[in-house]
Structure formats: C-alpha cells, structure tokens
PDB file of N, CA and C in Angstrom:
ATOM      1  N   MET A   1      -0.436 -11.733  -7.360  1.00  0.00           N
ATOM      2  CA  MET A   1      -1.569 -11.415  -6.483  1.00  0.00           C
ATOM      3  C   MET A   1      -2.947 -11.805  -7.037  1.00  0.00           C
ATOM      4  N   GLY A   2      -3.733 -12.263  -6.125  1.00  0.00           N
ATOM      5  CA  GLY A   2      -5.112 -12.650  -6.591  1.00  0.00           C
ATOM      6  C   GLY A   2      -5.888 -11.460  -6.742  1.00  0.00           C
ATOM      7  N   THR A   3      -6.872 -11.382  -7.512  1.00  0.00           N
ATOM      8  CA  THR A   3      -7.731 -10.294  -7.780  1.00  0.00           C
ATOM      9  C   THR A   3      -9.096 -10.420  -7.261  1.00  0.00           C
ATOM     10  N   ALA A   4      -9.548  -9.264  -6.909  1.00  0.00           N
ATOM     11  CA  ALA A   4     -10.969  -9.208  -6.354  1.00  0.00           C
ATOM     12  C   ALA A   4     -11.721  -8.236  -7.083  1.00  0.00           C
ATOM     13  N   GLU A   5     -13.032  -8.420  -7.209  1.00  0.00           N
ATOM     14  CA  GLU A   5     -13.879  -7.486  -7.842  1.00  0.00           C
ATOM     15  C   GLU A   5     -13.870  -6.136  -7.287  1.00  0.00           C
ATOM     16  N   GLN A   6     -13.918  -5.014  -8.122  1.00  0.00           N
ATOM     17  CA  GLN A   6     -13.955  -3.663  -7.444  1.00  0.00           C
ATOM     18  C   GLN A   6     -15.307  -3.450  -6.725  1.00  0.00           C
ATOM     19  N   LYS A   7     -15.245  -2.956  -5.522  1.00  0.00           N
ATOM     20  CA  LYS A   7     -16.433  -2.879  -4.815  1.00  0.00           C
ATOM     21  C   LYS A   7     -16.775  -1.320  -4.511  1.00  0.00           C
ATOM     22  N   THR A   8     -18.037  -1.106  -4.011  1.00  0.00           N
ATOM     23  CA  THR A   8     -18.472   0.209  -3.641  1.00  0.00           C
ATOM     24  C   THR A   8     -18.834   0.158  -2.206  1.00  0.00           C
ATOM     25  N   LEU A   9     -18.914   1.346  -1.654  1.00  0.00           N
ATOM     26  CA  LEU A   9     -19.336   1.449  -0.275  1.00  0.00           C
ATOM     27  C   LEU A   9     -20.622   0.707   0.131  1.00  0.00           C
ATOM     28  N   GLY A  10     -21.554   0.524  -0.752  1.00  0.00           N
ATOM     29  CA  GLY A  10     -22.862  -0.213  -0.531  1.00  0.00           C
ATOM     30  C   GLY A  10     -22.624  -1.610  -0.347  1.00  0.00           C
ATOM     31  N   TRP A  11     -21.442  -2.179  -0.689  1.00  0.00           N
ATOM     32  CA  TRP A  11     -21.136  -3.572  -0.603  1.00  0.00           C
ATOM     33  C   TRP A  11     -20.840  -3.978   0.811  1.00  0.00           C
ATOM     34  N   ILE A  12     -20.462  -3.007   1.706  1.00  0.00           N
ATOM     35  CA  ILE A  12     -19.997  -3.553   3.045  1.00  0.00           C
ATOM     36  C   ILE A  12     -20.908  -4.451   3.823  1.00  0.00           C
ATOM     37  N   ASP A  13     -22.201  -4.123   3.725  1.00  0.00           N
ATOM     38  CA  ASP A  13     -23.097  -4.977   4.478  1.00  0.00           C
ATOM     39  C   ASP A  13     -23.163  -6.429   4.025  1.00  0.00           C
ATOM     40  N   GLN A  14     -22.743  -6.606   2.706  1.00  0.00           N
ATOM     41  CA  GLN A  14     -22.699  -7.954   2.277  1.00  0.00           C
ATOM     42  C   GLN A  14     -21.375  -8.590   2.330  1.00  0.00           C
ATOM     43  N   ALA A  15     -20.332  -7.993   2.761  1.00  0.00           N
ATOM     44  CA  ALA A  15     -18.980  -8.400   2.712  1.00  0.00           C
ATOM     45  C   ALA A  15     -18.910  -9.812   3.455  1.00  0.00           C
ATOM     46  N   PRO A  16     -18.118 -10.741   2.948  1.00  0.00           N
ATOM     47  CA  PRO A  16     -17.961 -11.979   3.695  1.00  0.00           C
ATOM     48  C   PRO A  16     -17.406 -11.844   5.120  1.00  0.00           C
ATOM     49  N   PHE A  17     -16.548 -10.794   5.279  1.00  0.00           N
ATOM     50  CA  PHE A  17     -15.915 -10.584   6.597  1.00  0.00           C
ATOM     51  C   PHE A  17     -15.528  -9.012   6.550  1.00  0.00           C
ATOM     52  N   SER A  18     -15.398  -8.541   7.855  1.00  0.00           N
ATOM     53  CA  SER A  18     -15.001  -7.085   7.992  1.00  0.00           C
ATOM     54  C   SER A  18     -14.212  -7.037   9.219  1.00  0.00           C
ATOM     55  N   PHE A  19     -13.405  -5.895   9.356  1.00  0.00           N
ATOM     56  CA  PHE A  19     -12.630  -5.680  10.526  1.00  0.00           C
ATOM     57  C   PHE A  19     -13.002  -4.215  10.869  1.00  0.00           C
ATOM     58  N   SER A  20     -13.124  -4.028  12.188  1.00  0.00           N
ATOM     59  CA  SER A  20     -13.294  -2.636  12.686  1.00  0.00           C
ATOM     60  C   SER A  20     -12.621  -2.533  13.983  1.00  0.00           C
ATOM     61  N   GLY A  21     -12.357  -1.334  14.441  1.00  0.00           N
ATOM     62  CA  GLY A  21     -11.681  -1.095  15.651  1.00  0.00           C
ATOM     63  C   GLY A  21     -12.113   0.349  16.171  1.00  0.00           C
ATOM     64  N   SER A  22     -11.803   0.394  17.499  1.00  0.00           N
ATOM     65  CA  SER A  22     -12.194   1.790  18.072  1.00  0.00           C
ATOM     66  C   SER A  22     -11.179   2.024  19.185  1.00  0.00           C
ATOM     67  N   ALA A  23     -11.040   3.288  19.570  1.00  0.00           N
ATOM     68  CA  ALA A  23     -10.232   3.620  20.661  1.00  0.00           C
ATOM     69  C   ALA A  23     -10.682   4.976  21.119  1.00  0.00           C
ATOM     70  N   MET A  24     -10.460   5.261  22.481  1.00  0.00           N
ATOM     71  CA  MET A  24     -10.722   6.520  23.005  1.00  0.00           C
ATOM     72  C   MET A  24      -9.625   7.572  22.847  1.00  0.00           C
ATOM     73  N   THR A  25      -9.837   8.737  22.538  1.00  0.00           N
ATOM     74  CA  THR A  25      -8.875   9.734  22.505  1.00  0.00           C
ATOM     75  C   THR A  25      -9.392  11.074  22.846  1.00  0.00           C
ATOM     76  N   LYS A  26      -8.556  11.989  23.118  1.00  0.00           N
ATOM     77  CA  LYS A  26      -8.922  13.345  23.464  1.00  0.00           C
ATOM     78  C   LYS A  26      -8.858  14.204  22.065  1.00  0.00           C
ATOM     79  N   ALA A  27      -8.273  13.474  21.059  1.00  0.00           N
ATOM     80  CA  ALA A  27      -8.089  14.277  19.761  1.00  0.00           C
ATOM     81  C   ALA A  27      -9.355  14.403  19.003  1.00  0.00           C
ATOM     82  N   SER A  28      -9.334  15.480  18.275  1.00  0.00           N
ATOM     83  CA  SER A  28     -10.724  15.773  17.419  1.00  0.00           C
ATOM     84  C   SER A  28     -10.780  14.770  16.385  1.00  0.00           C
ATOM     85  N   PRO A  29     -12.011  14.545  15.819  1.00  0.00           N
ATOM     86  CA  PRO A  29     -12.246  13.625  14.781  1.00  0.00           C
ATOM     87  C   PRO A  29     -11.385  14.022  13.546  1.00  0.00           C
ATOM     88  N   ASP A  30     -11.145  15.331  13.298  1.00  0.00           N
ATOM     89  CA  ASP A  30     -10.372  15.656  12.139  1.00  0.00           C
ATOM     90  C   ASP A  30      -8.835  15.281  12.429  1.00  0.00           C
ATOM     91  N   ALA A  31      -8.378  15.454  13.597  1.00  0.00           N
ATOM     92  CA  ALA A  31      -7.025  15.157  13.955  1.00  0.00           C
ATOM     93  C   ALA A  31      -6.794  13.559  13.758  1.00  0.00           C
ATOM     94  N   VAL A  32      -7.669  12.844  14.142  1.00  0.00           N
ATOM     95  CA  VAL A  32      -7.723  11.316  13.991  1.00  0.00           C
ATOM     96  C   VAL A  32      -7.716  11.036  12.543  1.00  0.00           C
ATOM     97  N   PHE A  33      -8.507  11.594  11.835  1.00  0.00           N
ATOM     98  CA  PHE A  33      -8.602  11.378  10.368  1.00  0.00           C
ATOM     99  C   PHE A  33      -7.268  11.699   9.569  1.00  0.00           C
ATOM    100  N   ALA A  34      -6.604  12.795  10.090  1.00  0.00           N
ATOM    101  CA  ALA A  34      -5.369  13.191   9.632  1.00  0.00           C
ATOM    102  C   ALA A  34      -4.303  12.019   9.781  1.00  0.00           C
ATOM    103  N   VAL A  35      -4.357  11.379  10.868  1.00  0.00           N
ATOM    104  CA  VAL A  35      -3.404  10.274  11.117  1.00  0.00           C
ATOM    105  C   VAL A  35      -3.767   9.175  10.075  1.00  0.00           C
ATOM    106  N   LEU A  36      -5.084   8.799   9.994  1.00  0.00           N
ATOM    107  CA  LEU A  36      -5.325   7.750   8.997  1.00  0.00           C
ATOM    108  C   LEU A  36      -4.965   8.065   7.595  1.00  0.00           C
ATOM    109  N   ALA A  37      -5.124   9.328   7.273  1.00  0.00           N
ATOM    110  CA  ALA A  37      -4.882   9.760   5.919  1.00  0.00           C
ATOM    111  C   ALA A  37      -3.464   9.836   5.448  1.00  0.00           C
ATOM    112  N   ASP A  38      -2.528   9.649   6.490  1.00  0.00           N
ATOM    113  CA  ASP A  38      -1.133   9.689   6.245  1.00  0.00           C
ATOM    114  C   ASP A  38      -0.665   8.220   6.034  1.00  0.00           C
ATOM    115  N   HIS A  39      -0.947   7.692   4.862  1.00  0.00           N
ATOM    116  CA  HIS A  39      -0.764   6.225   4.507  1.00  0.00           C
ATOM    117  C   HIS A  39       0.486   5.691   5.018  1.00  0.00           C
ATOM    118  N   GLU A  40       1.686   6.436   4.693  1.00  0.00           N
ATOM    119  CA  GLU A  40       2.972   5.788   4.954  1.00  0.00           C
ATOM    120  C   GLU A  40       3.261   5.666   6.471  1.00  0.00           C
ATOM    121  N   ARG A  41       2.401   6.313   7.371  1.00  0.00           N
ATOM    122  CA  ARG A  41       2.712   6.235   8.807  1.00  0.00           C
ATOM    123  C   ARG A  41       1.906   5.062   9.459  1.00  0.00           C
ATOM    124  N   TRP A  42       1.103   4.385   8.618  1.00  0.00           N
ATOM    125  CA  TRP A  42       0.216   3.181   9.195  1.00  0.00           C
ATOM    126  C   TRP A  42       1.047   2.350  10.006  1.00  0.00           C
ATOM    127  N   PRO A  43       2.308   1.881   9.665  1.00  0.00           N
ATOM    128  CA  PRO A  43       3.060   0.881  10.506  1.00  0.00           C
ATOM    129  C   PRO A  43       3.259   1.389  11.876  1.00  0.00           C
ATOM    130  N   GLU A  44       3.252   2.722  12.098  1.00  0.00           N
ATOM    131  CA  GLU A  44       3.429   3.261  13.514  1.00  0.00           C
ATOM    132  C   GLU A  44       2.131   2.874  14.361  1.00  0.00           C
ATOM    133  N   TRP A  45       0.978   2.835  13.766  1.00  0.00           N
ATOM    134  CA  TRP A  45      -0.204   2.614  14.392  1.00  0.00           C
ATOM    135  C   TRP A  45      -0.746   1.161  14.379  1.00  0.00           C
ATOM    136  N   PHE A  46      -0.334   0.410  13.362  1.00  0.00           N
ATOM    137  CA  PHE A  46      -0.718  -1.020  13.340  1.00  0.00           C
ATOM    138  C   PHE A  46       0.480  -1.846  13.148  1.00  0.00           C
ATOM    139  N   PRO A  47       0.989  -2.563  14.309  1.00  0.00           N
ATOM    140  CA  PRO A  47       2.163  -3.231  14.216  1.00  0.00           C
ATOM    141  C   PRO A  47       2.280  -4.310  13.215  1.00  0.00           C
ATOM    142  N   VAL A  48       1.203  -4.952  12.783  1.00  0.00           N
ATOM    143  CA  VAL A  48       1.277  -5.971  11.790  1.00  0.00           C
ATOM    144  C   VAL A  48       1.725  -5.497  10.317  1.00  0.00           C
ATOM    145  N   ILE A  49       1.472  -4.198  10.204  1.00  0.00           N
ATOM    146  CA  ILE A  49       1.790  -3.588   8.845  1.00  0.00           C
ATOM    147  C   ILE A  49       3.279  -3.124   8.874  1.00  0.00           C
ATOM    148  N   THR A  50       4.041  -3.604   7.811  1.00  0.00           N
ATOM    149  CA  THR A  50       5.413  -3.227   7.723  1.00  0.00           C
ATOM    150  C   THR A  50       5.731  -2.062   6.801  1.00  0.00           C
ATOM    151  N   LYS A  51       4.741  -1.774   5.813  1.00  0.00           N
ATOM    152  CA  LYS A  51       4.985  -0.591   4.905  1.00  0.00           C
ATOM    153  C   LYS A  51       3.629  -0.511   4.154  1.00  0.00           C
ATOM    154  N   THR A  52       3.335   0.797   3.986  1.00  0.00           N
ATOM    155  CA  THR A  52       2.216   1.211   3.085  1.00  0.00           C
ATOM    156  C   THR A  52       2.632   2.313   2.238  1.00  0.00           C
ATOM    157  N   VAL A  53       2.271   2.194   0.858  1.00  0.00           N
ATOM    158  CA  VAL A  53       2.650   3.174  -0.049  1.00  0.00           C
ATOM    159  C   VAL A  53       1.378   3.396  -1.005  1.00  0.00           C
ATOM    160  N   VAL A  54       1.230   4.661  -1.348  1.00  0.00           N
ATOM    161  CA  VAL A  54       0.201   5.037  -2.352  1.00  0.00           C
ATOM    162  C   VAL A  54       0.716   4.597  -3.724  1.00  0.00           C
ATOM    163  N   LEU A  55      -0.185   4.066  -4.567  1.00  0.00           N
ATOM    164  CA  LEU A  55       0.281   3.467  -5.834  1.00  0.00           C
ATOM    165  C   LEU A  55       0.149   4.448  -7.061  1.00  0.00           C
ATOM    166  N   GLU A  56      -0.661   5.553  -6.854  1.00  0.00           N
ATOM    167  CA  GLU A  56      -0.861   6.348  -7.992  1.00  0.00           C
ATOM    168  C   GLU A  56      -0.707   7.778  -7.402  1.00  0.00           C
ATOM    169  N   GLU A  57      -0.823   8.832  -8.390  1.00  0.00           N
ATOM    170  CA  GLU A  57      -0.753  10.192  -7.996  1.00  0.00           C
ATOM    171  C   GLU A  57      -1.847  10.607  -6.962  1.00  0.00           C
ATOM    172  N   GLN A  58      -3.040  10.019  -7.104  1.00  0.00           N
ATOM    173  CA  GLN A  58      -4.068  10.362  -6.201  1.00  0.00           C
ATOM    174  C   GLN A  58      -3.843   9.870  -4.846  1.00  0.00           C
ATOM    175  N   ARG A  59      -3.586  10.762  -3.846  1.00  0.00           N
ATOM    176  CA  ARG A  59      -3.443  10.321  -2.419  1.00  0.00           C
ATOM    177  C   ARG A  59      -4.451  10.502  -1.462  1.00  0.00           C
ATOM    178  N   GLU A  60      -5.581  11.010  -1.941  1.00  0.00           N
ATOM    179  CA  GLU A  60      -6.724  11.424  -0.990  1.00  0.00           C
ATOM    180  C   GLU A  60      -8.040  10.946  -1.682  1.00  0.00           C
ATOM    181  N   GLY A  61      -9.084  10.535  -0.950  1.00  0.00           N
ATOM    182  CA  GLY A  61     -10.352  10.337  -1.446  1.00  0.00           C
ATOM    183  C   GLY A  61     -10.727   8.951  -1.993  1.00  0.00           C
ATOM    184  N   VAL A  62     -12.004   8.794  -2.186  1.00  0.00           N
ATOM    185  CA  VAL A  62     -12.396   7.533  -2.729  1.00  0.00           C
ATOM    186  C   VAL A  62     -11.693   7.157  -4.040  1.00  0.00           C
ATOM    187  N   GLY A  63     -11.305   5.968  -4.102  1.00  0.00           N
ATOM    188  CA  GLY A  63     -10.503   5.418  -5.256  1.00  0.00           C
ATOM    189  C   GLY A  63      -9.140   5.434  -5.149  1.00  0.00           C
ATOM    190  N   THR A  64      -8.451   6.165  -4.057  1.00  0.00           N
ATOM    191  CA  THR A  64      -7.042   6.021  -3.832  1.00  0.00           C
ATOM    192  C   THR A  64      -6.614   4.517  -3.693  1.00  0.00           C
ATOM    193  N   ARG A  65      -5.598   4.115  -4.351  1.00  0.00           N
ATOM    194  CA  ARG A  65      -5.118   2.873  -4.191  1.00  0.00           C
ATOM    195  C   ARG A  65      -3.779   2.832  -3.575  1.00  0.00           C
ATOM    196  N   ARG A  66      -3.422   1.846  -2.695  1.00  0.00           N
ATOM    197  CA  ARG A  66      -2.326   1.730  -1.978  1.00  0.00           C
ATOM    198  C   ARG A  66      -1.897   0.240  -1.746  1.00  0.00           C
ATOM    199  N   LEU A  67      -0.612  -0.011  -1.504  1.00  0.00           N
ATOM    200  CA  LEU A  67      -0.185  -1.293  -1.251  1.00  0.00           C
ATOM    201  C   LEU A  67       0.373  -1.298   0.045  1.00  0.00           C
ATOM    202  N   THR A  68      -0.100  -2.326   0.891  1.00  0.00           N
ATOM    203  CA  THR A  68       0.199  -2.502   2.300  1.00  0.00           C
ATOM    204  C   THR A  68       0.922  -3.853   2.430  1.00  0.00           C
ATOM    205  N   ASN A  69       2.151  -3.856   3.075  1.00  0.00           N
ATOM    206  CA  ASN A  69       2.837  -5.147   3.262  1.00  0.00           C
ATOM    207  C   ASN A  69       2.692  -5.512   4.657  1.00  0.00           C
ATOM    208  N   ILE A  70       2.502  -6.778   4.856  1.00  0.00           N
ATOM    209  CA  ILE A  70       2.484  -7.429   6.169  1.00  0.00           C
ATOM    210  C   ILE A  70       3.269  -8.781   6.138  1.00  0.00           C
ATOM    211  N   PRO A  71       3.745  -9.232   7.241  1.00  0.00           N
ATOM    212  CA  PRO A  71       4.552 -10.488   7.239  1.00  0.00           C
ATOM    213  C   PRO A  71       3.892 -11.531   6.350  1.00  0.00           C
ATOM    214  N   GLY A  72       4.627 -12.005   5.288  1.00  0.00           N
ATOM    215  CA  GLY A  72       4.164 -13.074   4.464  1.00  0.00           C
ATOM    216  C   GLY A  72       3.386 -12.606   3.183  1.00  0.00           C
ATOM    217  N   GLY A  73       3.377 -11.407   2.974  1.00  0.00           N
ATOM    218  CA  GLY A  73       2.621 -11.022   1.756  1.00  0.00           C
ATOM    219  C   GLY A  73       2.314  -9.417   1.666  1.00  0.00           C
ATOM    220  N   SER A  74       1.519  -9.143   0.658  1.00  0.00           N
ATOM    221  CA  SER A  74       0.969  -7.714   0.531  1.00  0.00           C
ATOM    222  C   SER A  74      -0.468  -7.559   0.137  1.00  0.00           C
ATOM    223  N   ILE A  75      -1.028  -6.433   0.398  1.00  0.00           N
ATOM    224  CA  ILE A  75      -2.398  -6.228   0.054  1.00  0.00           C
ATOM    225  C   ILE A  75      -2.594  -4.943  -0.778  1.00  0.00           C
ATOM    226  N   GLU A  76      -3.230  -5.014  -1.827  1.00  0.00           N
ATOM    227  CA  GLU A  76      -3.603  -3.866  -2.707  1.00  0.00           C
ATOM    228  C   GLU A  76      -5.035  -3.358  -2.070  1.00  0.00           C
ATOM    229  N   GLU A  77      -5.005  -2.224  -1.660  1.00  0.00           N
ATOM    230  CA  GLU A  77      -6.209  -1.610  -1.068  1.00  0.00           C
ATOM    231  C   GLU A  77      -6.780  -0.456  -1.915  1.00  0.00           C
ATOM    232  N   VAL A  78      -8.118  -0.331  -1.942  1.00  0.00           N
ATOM    233  CA  VAL A  78      -8.774   0.878  -2.431  1.00  0.00           C
ATOM    234  C   VAL A  78      -9.658   1.443  -1.463  1.00  0.00           C
ATOM    235  N   ILE A  79      -9.484   2.804  -1.384  1.00  0.00           N
ATOM    236  CA  ILE A  79     -10.346   3.538  -0.436  1.00  0.00           C
ATOM    237  C   ILE A  79     -11.847   3.623  -0.913  1.00  0.00           C
ATOM    238  N   LEU A  80     -12.771   3.213  -0.161  1.00  0.00           N
ATOM    239  CA  LEU A  80     -14.115   3.236  -0.522  1.00  0.00           C
ATOM    240  C   LEU A  80     -14.948   4.347   0.165  1.00  0.00           C
ATOM    241  N   ALA A  81     -14.396   4.906   1.246  1.00  0.00           N
ATOM    242  CA  ALA A  81     -15.043   5.970   1.919  1.00  0.00           C
ATOM    243  C   ALA A  81     -14.011   7.024   2.389  1.00  0.00           C
ATOM    244  N   TRP A  82     -14.206   8.169   2.306  1.00  0.00           N
ATOM    245  CA  TRP A  82     -13.115   9.185   2.651  1.00  0.00           C
ATOM    246  C   TRP A  82     -13.957  10.385   3.026  1.00  0.00           C
ATOM    247  N   ASP A  83     -14.537  10.385   4.265  1.00  0.00           N
ATOM    248  CA  ASP A  83     -15.361  11.519   4.958  1.00  0.00           C
ATOM    249  C   ASP A  83     -14.637  12.052   6.023  1.00  0.00           C
ATOM    250  N   VAL A  84     -13.870  13.165   5.767  1.00  0.00           N
ATOM    251  CA  VAL A  84     -12.934  13.827   6.733  1.00  0.00           C
ATOM    252  C   VAL A  84     -13.641  13.932   8.021  1.00  0.00           C
ATOM    253  N   GLY A  85     -12.933  13.405   9.120  1.00  0.00           N
ATOM    254  CA  GLY A  85     -13.481  13.646  10.471  1.00  0.00           C
ATOM    255  C   GLY A  85     -14.524  12.691  10.841  1.00  0.00           C
ATOM    256  N   ARG A  86     -15.030  11.797   9.886  1.00  0.00           N
ATOM    257  CA  ARG A  86     -16.206  10.942  10.044  1.00  0.00           C
ATOM    258  C   ARG A  86     -16.046   9.567   9.754  1.00  0.00           C
ATOM    259  N   ARG A  87     -15.549   9.264   8.566  1.00  0.00           N
ATOM    260  CA  ARG A  87     -15.462   7.758   8.098  1.00  0.00           C
ATOM    261  C   ARG A  87     -14.319   7.581   7.156  1.00  0.00           C
ATOM    262  N   PHE A  88     -13.657   6.528   7.178  1.00  0.00           N
ATOM    263  CA  PHE A  88     -12.565   6.033   6.460  1.00  0.00           C
ATOM    264  C   PHE A  88     -12.752   4.524   6.211  1.00  0.00           C
ATOM    265  N   CYS A  89     -12.866   4.074   4.909  1.00  0.00           N
ATOM    266  CA  CYS A  89     -13.064   2.720   4.772  1.00  0.00           C
ATOM    267  C   CYS A  89     -12.173   2.131   3.614  1.00  0.00           C
ATOM    268  N   VAL A  90     -11.586   1.075   3.891  1.00  0.00           N
ATOM    269  CA  VAL A  90     -10.527   0.452   2.873  1.00  0.00           C
ATOM    270  C   VAL A  90     -11.032  -1.016   2.464  1.00  0.00           C
ATOM    271  N   HIS A  91     -10.999  -1.253   1.133  1.00  0.00           N
ATOM    272  CA  HIS A  91     -11.239  -2.609   0.715  1.00  0.00           C
ATOM    273  C   HIS A  91     -10.128  -3.264   0.210  1.00  0.00           C
ATOM    274  N   ARG A  92      -9.876  -4.505   0.656  1.00  0.00           N
ATOM    275  CA  ARG A  92      -8.766  -5.283   0.043  1.00  0.00           C
ATOM    276  C   ARG A  92      -9.053  -5.705  -1.309  1.00  0.00           C
ATOM    277  N   HIS A  93      -8.539  -5.071  -2.203  1.00  0.00           N
ATOM    278  CA  HIS A  93      -8.792  -5.309  -3.631  1.00  0.00           C
ATOM    279  C   HIS A  93      -8.067  -6.489  -4.180  1.00  0.00           C
ATOM    280  N   ARG A  94      -6.856  -6.747  -3.896  1.00  0.00           N
ATOM    281  CA  ARG A  94      -5.983  -7.804  -4.194  1.00  0.00           C
ATOM    282  C   ARG A  94      -5.168  -8.246  -3.096  1.00  0.00           C
ATOM    283  N   CYS A  95      -4.803  -9.468  -2.981  1.00  0.00           N
ATOM    284  CA  CYS A  95      -3.819  -9.886  -1.741  1.00  0.00           C
ATOM    285  C   CYS A  95      -2.994 -11.017  -2.346  1.00  0.00           C
ATOM    286  N   SER A  96      -1.797 -11.054  -1.765  1.00  0.00           N
ATOM    287  CA  SER A  96      -0.928 -12.213  -2.173  1.00  0.00           C
ATOM    288  C   SER A  96      -1.567 -13.444  -1.483  1.00  0.00           C
ATOM    289  N   PRO A  97      -1.160 -14.611  -2.155  1.00  0.00           N
ATOM    290  CA  PRO A  97      -1.757 -15.817  -1.603  1.00  0.00           C
ATOM    291  C   PRO A  97      -1.457 -16.090  -0.260  1.00  0.00           C
ATOM    292  N   GLY A  98      -0.235 -15.681   0.344  1.00  0.00           N
ATOM    293  CA  GLY A  98      -0.081 -15.945   1.764  1.00  0.00           C
ATOM    294  C   GLY A  98      -1.018 -15.279   2.668  1.00  0.00           C
ATOM    295  N   ASN A  99      -1.658 -14.204   2.236  1.00  0.00           N
ATOM    296  CA  ASN A  99      -2.633 -13.454   2.969  1.00  0.00           C
ATOM    297  C   ASN A  99      -4.059 -14.139   2.950  1.00  0.00           C
ATOM    298  N   ARG A 100      -4.288 -14.818   1.934  1.00  0.00           N
ATOM    299  CA  ARG A 100      -5.556 -15.471   1.915  1.00  0.00           C
ATOM    300  C   ARG A 100      -5.643 -16.606   2.820  1.00  0.00           C
ATOM    301  N   ALA A 101      -4.634 -17.349   3.103  1.00  0.00           N
ATOM    302  CA  ALA A 101      -4.590 -18.380   4.098  1.00  0.00           C
ATOM    303  C   ALA A 101      -4.908 -17.840   5.511  1.00  0.00           C
ATOM    304  N   ARG A 102      -4.398 -16.544   5.788  1.00  0.00           N
ATOM    305  CA  ARG A 102      -4.651 -16.110   7.194  1.00  0.00           C
ATOM    306  C   ARG A 102      -5.977 -15.214   7.361  1.00  0.00           C
ATOM    307  N   ALA A 103      -6.675 -15.174   6.242  1.00  0.00           N
ATOM    308  CA  ALA A 103      -7.910 -14.298   6.332  1.00  0.00           C
ATOM    309  C   ALA A 103      -8.865 -15.104   7.179  1.00  0.00           C
ATOM    310  N   PRO A 104      -9.792 -14.388   7.924  1.00  0.00           N
ATOM    311  CA  PRO A 104     -10.667 -14.966   8.749  1.00  0.00           C
ATOM    312  C   PRO A 104     -11.736 -15.742   7.923  1.00  0.00           C
ATOM    313  N   LYS A 105     -12.404 -16.675   8.480  1.00  0.00           N
ATOM    314  CA  LYS A 105     -13.449 -17.381   7.724  1.00  0.00           C
ATOM    315  C   LYS A 105     -14.593 -16.390   7.481  1.00  0.00           C
ATOM    316  N   PRO A 106     -15.169 -16.597   6.371  1.00  0.00           N
ATOM    317  CA  PRO A 106     -16.343 -15.722   5.966  1.00  0.00           C
ATOM    318  C   PRO A 106     -17.511 -15.862   7.010  1.00  0.00           C
ATOM    319  N   ARG A 107     -18.226 -14.802   7.200  1.00  0.00           N
ATOM    320  CA  ARG A 107     -19.445 -14.799   8.141  1.00  0.00           C
ATOM    321  C   ARG A 107     -20.414 -15.759   7.579  1.00  0.00           C
ATOM    322  N   PRO A 108     -21.121 -16.498   8.486  1.00  0.00           N
ATOM    323  CA  PRO A 108     -22.204 -17.391   7.941  1.00  0.00           C
ATOM    324  C   PRO A 108     -23.337 -16.634   7.305  1.00  0.00           C
ATOM    325  N   ALA A 109     -23.858 -17.115   6.313  1.00  0.00           N
ATOM    326  CA  ALA A 109     -24.931 -16.518   5.455  1.00  0.00           C
ATOM    327  C   ALA A 109     -26.149 -16.400   6.488  1.00  0.00           C
ATOM    328  N   SER A 110     -26.828 -15.249   6.219  1.00  0.00           N
ATOM    329  CA  SER A 110     -28.091 -15.044   6.921  1.00  0.00           C
ATOM    330  C   SER A 110     -29.080 -16.067   6.870  1.00  0.00           C
ATOM    331  N   PRO A 111     -29.713 -16.512   7.803  1.00  0.00           N
ATOM    332  CA  PRO A 111     -30.746 -17.578   7.662  1.00  0.00           C
ATOM    333  C   PRO A 111     -31.844 -17.024   6.621  1.00  0.00           C
ATOM    334  N   LYS A 112     -32.257 -17.885   5.720  1.00  0.00           N
ATOM    335  CA  LYS A 112     -33.300 -17.635   4.899  1.00  0.00           C
ATOM    336  C   LYS A 112     -34.557 -17.862   5.577  1.00  0.00           C
ATOM    337  N   PRO A 113     -35.630 -16.897   5.303  1.00  0.00           N
ATOM    338  CA  PRO A 113     -36.940 -17.114   5.939  1.00  0.00           C
ATOM    339  C   PRO A 113     -37.556 -18.371   5.374  1.00  0.00           C
ATOM    340  N   SER A 114     -38.264 -19.021   6.318  1.00  0.00           N
ATOM    341  CA  SER A 114     -38.889 -20.158   5.867  1.00  0.00           C
ATOM    342  C   SER A 114     -40.345 -19.855   5.234  1.00  0.00           C
ATOM    343  N   PRO A 115     -40.728 -20.548   4.233  1.00  0.00           N
ATOM    344  CA  PRO A 115     -42.053 -20.180   3.564  1.00  0.00           C
ATOM    345  C   PRO A 115     -43.083 -20.528   4.549  1.00  0.00           C
ATOM    346  N   ARG A 116     -44.173 -19.754   4.528  1.00  0.00           N
ATOM    347  CA  ARG A 116     -45.347 -19.933   5.361  1.00  0.00           C
ATOM    348  C   ARG A 116     -46.467 -20.567   4.704  1.00  0.00           C
TER     349      ARG A 116
END
C-alpha cells in the first residue's frame, strides 16, 4: 500500500480532493451517527465497499484506524472527526495502487492574487 502523511481535521480545506454526501431522513442526527459508527455495516450503505474492519482495539473517536475494501484494492482510513450526531470525517491514510488510478483528479489550485 502507498503511504500518506498523517493529517488533522484542519487539513480538510487544503485537501487535493474530497467527497461528501447528503440524504434526507426522519432519523435523528444521533441515530444517523450510530449507523456511520458501525464500521462493519458500511457495505450495507455504500455498495462500492465490500468490507470494512477496525484495525486496532480503539473502535470510536478521532484516531480510529480501519481498513475498507473496494473492488480492486483496499484503503486504510483514519477518523479525523468524531462528533456524535454532528460530524464524521475519514481520511484515506493509505491505499493500494489500484485505488490511486481511480482517484479523482486533484482540485485546481486557487488562483494566486496578482501583484498590484
């Protein structure tokens, strides 16, 4: 697997690419978070994921590491944000070479201000 530098939540705005999603539900924010916190059930909610397992004893909170398998490879992820009922953020820490080829192209750099 290729290795990525460990990141913090403050890095998100500078990330070369990011993914986000949303859906409407009548479930409470805490109920939705409970679904996301159940790592092994991610394949039920995200069809591209074939398996997710937690890699260490820590199963909750910032710093939790897990391995997610998708067709053609696997991704080691680290939880960057774990705010129950509010925010859940995962960083792809390492990924197999097959996944790098499928990754979206990085966002273009912000234009630099011209000197006056």
